[in-house]
Amino acid sequence: MGALGVDDGSLGGVLAWYSLIHTAPEQIGAALTELARCIRPGGGLALGFFTGPTLEPFEHAITTAHYWPVDLLSSEVEGAGFAVTHTESRTDRPARSHGAILATRA
């Protein structure tokens, strides 16, 4: 996500469904800023991720992934230039809780 190789504002939206779960917390802002660069104003972002009460790493099949509190990741999304329009979490799954954020490029 560091350099997507598309022109500024050239995308109508991005579906990042579990695409950022392996991104280190100290790099999430840069990844979100790169997505914001690529999405035209008014375009959408849909994020799917593992949620939890605290930001913490866990072992995943490929490499370390992270649980994100919905409010904390929403704040990161807003800091990258998006307006969060919807959030949700689902904790009824037997393995890991799901979170989702929908946002619009400001």
Protein backbone atom coordinates (compact mmCIF):
# COMPACT_ATOMS: atom_id res chain seq x y z
CA MET A 1 0.00 0.00 0.00
CA GLY A 2 3.01 2.29 0.09
CA ALA A 3 2.85 3.23 -3.59
CA LEU A 4 -0.14 2.03 -5.58
CA GLY A 5 1.11 3.23 -8.95
CA VAL A 6 -2.04 5.06 -10.01
CA ASP A 7 -2.62 8.76 -10.63
CA ASP A 8 -3.90 11.06 -7.91
CA GLY A 9 -7.67 10.94 -7.63
CA SER A 10 -7.99 8.33 -10.36
CA LEU A 11 -10.04 5.80 -8.40
CA GLY A 12 -13.72 6.03 -7.58
CA GLY A 13 -13.21 3.88 -4.52
CA VAL A 14 -11.20 1.15 -2.85
CA LEU A 15 -12.35 -2.08 -1.24
CA ALA A 16 -9.68 -2.93 1.34
CA TRP A 17 -11.38 -5.94 2.88
CA TYR A 18 -8.82 -7.38 5.29
CA SER A 19 -6.09 -5.84 3.11
CA LEU A 20 -4.47 -3.85 5.93
CA ILE A 21 -4.57 -6.43 8.73
CA HIS A 22 -0.83 -7.12 8.44
CA THR A 23 0.15 -3.45 8.30
CA ALA A 24 2.10 -2.38 11.38
CA PRO A 25 0.19 0.19 13.45
CA GLU A 26 2.98 2.75 12.98
CA GLN A 27 2.55 2.41 9.19
CA ILE A 28 -1.25 2.41 8.97
CA GLY A 29 -1.45 6.20 8.57
CA ALA A 30 0.87 6.13 5.56
CA ALA A 31 -1.11 3.31 3.93
CA LEU A 32 -4.41 5.15 4.45
CA THR A 33 -2.88 8.39 3.14
CA GLU A 34 -1.81 6.55 -0.01
CA LEU A 35 -5.36 5.27 -0.47
CA ALA A 36 -6.68 8.81 0.01
CA ARG A 37 -4.25 10.09 -2.64
CA CYS A 38 -5.61 7.62 -5.16
CA ILE A 39 -9.33 8.11 -4.48
CA ARG A 40 -11.10 11.09 -6.02
CA PRO A 41 -12.93 13.52 -3.70
CA GLY A 42 -16.30 11.99 -2.86
CA GLY A 43 -15.01 8.49 -3.62
CA GLY A 44 -15.43 5.64 -1.17
CA LEU A 45 -13.33 3.44 1.04
CA ALA A 46 -14.53 0.18 2.57
CA LEU A 47 -12.27 -1.43 5.18
CA GLY A 48 -12.73 -4.85 6.72
CA PHE A 49 -10.53 -5.85 9.66
CA PHE A 50 -10.28 -7.81 12.88
CA THR A 51 -11.53 -5.79 15.81
CA GLY A 52 -10.88 -6.01 19.51
CA PRO A 53 -11.00 -3.87 22.65
CA THR A 54 -7.32 -2.90 22.30
CA LEU A 55 -4.83 -2.54 19.49
CA GLU A 56 -2.77 -5.69 19.70
CA PRO A 57 -0.89 -8.08 17.44
CA PHE A 58 -1.70 -11.75 17.01
CA GLU A 59 -0.22 -14.58 15.00
CA HIS A 60 -1.96 -15.11 11.68
CA ALA A 61 -1.44 -17.67 8.92
CA ILE A 62 1.05 -15.57 6.94
CA THR A 63 2.52 -13.08 9.38
CA THR A 64 1.50 -11.01 12.37
CA ALA A 65 -1.88 -9.31 12.08
CA HIS A 66 -3.54 -6.77 14.39
CA TYR A 67 -6.80 -6.33 16.23
CA TRP A 68 -8.01 -2.72 16.00
CA PRO A 69 -10.62 -1.00 18.14
CA VAL A 70 -13.18 0.46 15.71
CA ASP A 71 -12.86 3.97 17.16
CA LEU A 72 -9.06 3.96 16.92
CA LEU A 73 -8.96 2.80 13.31
CA SER A 74 -11.76 5.26 12.44
CA SER A 75 -9.59 8.04 13.83
CA GLU A 76 -6.70 6.92 11.62
CA VAL A 77 -9.02 6.87 8.59
CA GLU A 78 -10.21 10.40 9.35
CA GLY A 79 -6.63 11.56 9.86
CA ALA A 80 -5.82 10.39 6.33
CA GLY A 81 -8.47 12.64 4.78
CA PHE A 82 -11.67 10.62 4.89
CA ALA A 83 -15.03 11.24 6.51
CA VAL A 84 -16.21 8.06 8.23
CA THR A 85 -19.84 7.43 7.31
CA HIS A 86 -20.47 4.04 8.93
CA THR A 87 -18.83 1.64 11.33
CA GLU A 88 -19.83 -1.76 12.57
CA SER A 89 -18.49 -4.70 14.48
CA ARG A 90 -19.67 -8.24 14.84
CA THR A 91 -18.54 -10.30 17.78
CA ASP A 92 -20.73 -13.37 17.23
CA ARG A 93 -18.05 -15.19 15.26
CA PRO A 94 -16.40 -18.13 16.99
CA ALA A 95 -12.84 -17.17 16.04
CA ARG A 96 -12.21 -13.43 15.61
CA SER A 97 -14.44 -10.39 15.77
CA HIS A 98 -15.08 -8.49 12.54
CA GLY A 99 -14.99 -4.73 12.07
CA ALA A 100 -15.93 -2.59 9.08
CA ILE A 101 -15.53 1.07 8.25
CA LEU A 102 -17.10 2.90 5.32
CA ALA A 103 -15.70 6.33 4.52
CA THR A 104 -15.79 9.01 1.86
CA ARG A 105 -12.76 10.90 0.58
CA ALA A 106 -13.06 14.50 1.77
